[in-house]
Protein backbone atom coordinates (compact mmCIF):
# COMPACT_ATOMS: atom_id res chain seq x y z
CA MET A 1 -12.46 -33.95 20.79
CA GLU A 2 -13.92 -36.39 18.79
CA ASP A 3 -18.00 -36.96 18.26
CA GLY A 4 -19.54 -39.03 20.80
CA ASP A 5 -16.78 -37.94 23.62
CA ASP A 6 -19.06 -35.46 25.33
CA ASP A 7 -21.39 -36.03 28.11
CA VAL A 8 -24.11 -33.56 29.31
CA ARG A 9 -23.65 -32.60 32.79
CA LEU A 10 -26.12 -31.31 35.15
CA LEU A 11 -24.55 -28.23 36.75
CA PRO A 12 -24.59 -27.34 40.37
CA TRP A 13 -26.56 -23.94 39.60
CA THR A 14 -29.49 -22.77 38.17
CA GLY A 15 -30.09 -20.60 35.45
CA PRO A 16 -33.11 -17.68 35.29
CA GLY A 17 -36.25 -18.67 36.74
CA GLY A 18 -34.45 -21.48 38.54
CA LYS A 19 -34.18 -23.80 35.46
CA PRO A 20 -31.33 -26.32 35.29
CA ARG A 21 -28.14 -25.57 33.43
CA HIS A 22 -26.66 -28.21 31.67
CA LEU A 23 -23.29 -28.08 30.18
CA VAL A 24 -21.89 -30.46 26.97
CA THR A 25 -18.46 -31.40 28.05
CA ASP A 26 -15.42 -34.15 27.97
CA GLY A 27 -15.20 -33.42 31.60
CA THR A 28 -11.79 -31.51 31.47
CA GLY A 29 -12.89 -28.07 30.91
CA HIS A 30 -12.59 -24.82 32.73
CA LEU A 31 -16.42 -24.72 33.27
CA SER A 32 -16.28 -28.59 34.35
CA ARG A 33 -13.60 -27.73 37.32
CA ARG A 34 -15.58 -24.95 38.21
CA ALA A 35 -18.81 -27.07 38.84
CA ASP A 36 -16.32 -29.55 40.67
CA ALA A 37 -15.83 -26.77 42.96
CA VAL A 38 -18.63 -25.43 43.48
CA GLU A 39 -20.15 -28.83 44.08
CA GLN A 40 -17.30 -29.50 46.90
CA VAL A 41 -18.05 -26.44 48.74
CA ARG A 42 -21.95 -27.09 48.84
CA LEU A 43 -21.10 -30.56 50.17
CA ALA A 44 -18.58 -29.14 52.80
CA VAL A 45 -21.52 -26.72 53.93
CA ALA A 46 -24.00 -29.77 54.15
CA ASP A 47 -21.41 -32.07 56.11
CA ASP A 48 -21.00 -28.43 58.37
CA LEU A 49 -24.84 -28.14 58.72
CA LEU A 50 -25.21 -31.95 59.56
CA GLY A 51 -22.81 -31.70 62.34
CA ARG A 52 -24.46 -28.35 63.80
CA THR A 53 -28.25 -30.22 63.33
CA ALA A 54 -27.00 -32.96 65.55
CA ASP A 55 -25.58 -30.77 67.77
CA LEU A 56 -27.66 -27.50 68.32
CA PRO A 57 -31.10 -28.54 69.17
CA ALA A 58 -29.78 -30.15 71.89
CA ASP A 59 -27.77 -27.47 73.30
CA ARG A 60 -29.84 -25.72 75.65
CA ARG A 61 -28.32 -22.46 75.24
CA ALA A 62 -28.93 -22.16 71.41
CA THR A 63 -30.93 -19.37 70.81
CA ALA A 64 -34.13 -19.13 68.76
CA ASP A 65 -32.00 -16.99 66.43
CA GLN A 66 -29.60 -20.19 66.03
CA LEU A 67 -32.35 -22.37 65.39
CA ARG A 68 -34.02 -20.12 62.94
CA PHE A 69 -30.63 -19.37 60.97
CA LEU A 70 -29.97 -23.62 60.90
CA LEU A 71 -33.46 -24.10 60.10
CA ALA A 72 -33.47 -21.81 57.37
CA ARG A 73 -30.38 -23.30 55.37
CA MET A 74 -31.13 -26.53 55.54
CA PRO A 75 -33.48 -26.57 52.63
CA GLU A 76 -30.98 -24.49 50.97
CA SER A 77 -28.19 -27.52 51.30
CA LEU A 78 -30.64 -29.99 50.76
CA THR A 79 -31.68 -28.58 47.10
CA ASP A 80 -27.56 -28.50 46.56
CA VAL A 81 -26.69 -31.95 47.64
CA ARG A 82 -30.16 -33.18 45.82
CA ARG A 83 -29.09 -31.45 42.50
CA ILE A 84 -25.50 -32.82 42.79
CA ALA A 85 -26.55 -36.49 43.65
CA GLU A 86 -28.96 -36.44 40.60
CA SER A 87 -26.13 -35.00 38.52
CA ARG A 88 -23.79 -37.87 39.73
CA ILE A 89 -26.69 -40.33 39.03
CA ALA A 90 -26.73 -39.84 35.91
CA GLU A 91 -23.36 -39.82 35.31
CA SER A 92 -22.98 -42.79 36.52
CA ARG A 93 -25.64 -44.31 34.64
CA GLY A 94 -24.23 -42.81 31.41
CA ALA A 95 -27.91 -40.84 30.97
CA ARG A 96 -27.59 -38.50 28.55
CA LEU A 97 -30.16 -35.47 27.52
CA PRO A 98 -32.73 -36.78 25.25
CA THR A 99 -31.69 -35.24 21.55
CA ARG A 100 -34.43 -33.17 20.17
CA SER A 101 -35.67 -34.09 17.11
CA PRO A 102 -36.99 -31.26 14.62
CA ARG A 103 -40.53 -30.09 14.69
CA PRO A 104 -42.37 -31.19 11.52
CA THR A 105 -43.92 -28.28 9.42
CA PRO A 106 -47.29 -28.27 8.31
CA GLY A 107 -47.81 -30.10 5.26
CA GLY A 108 -44.69 -32.22 6.03
CA ARG A 109 -42.25 -29.79 4.60
């Protein structure tokens, strides 16, 4: 890899305390492929939930437990999809994380 070939990618999972995790990558490594796979699974889950959301509430045989389960999964799925969308928007715009400049020391040293 040459300097300047790396991008900063927002990963589809969080770190301790729910903090965002980022990866400096050229997009071809093991962790990038793992992140792609996780994104695909989470988008498939969201697609499944959307299908159930369209059908289940109208089903008079649906139980309260089924509806509660569906409702409990929706925020999790929406959070995942939002994170994936944010990551892809940043990638498509060529956004990069700001680089940190060294903190000035007292007395300008």
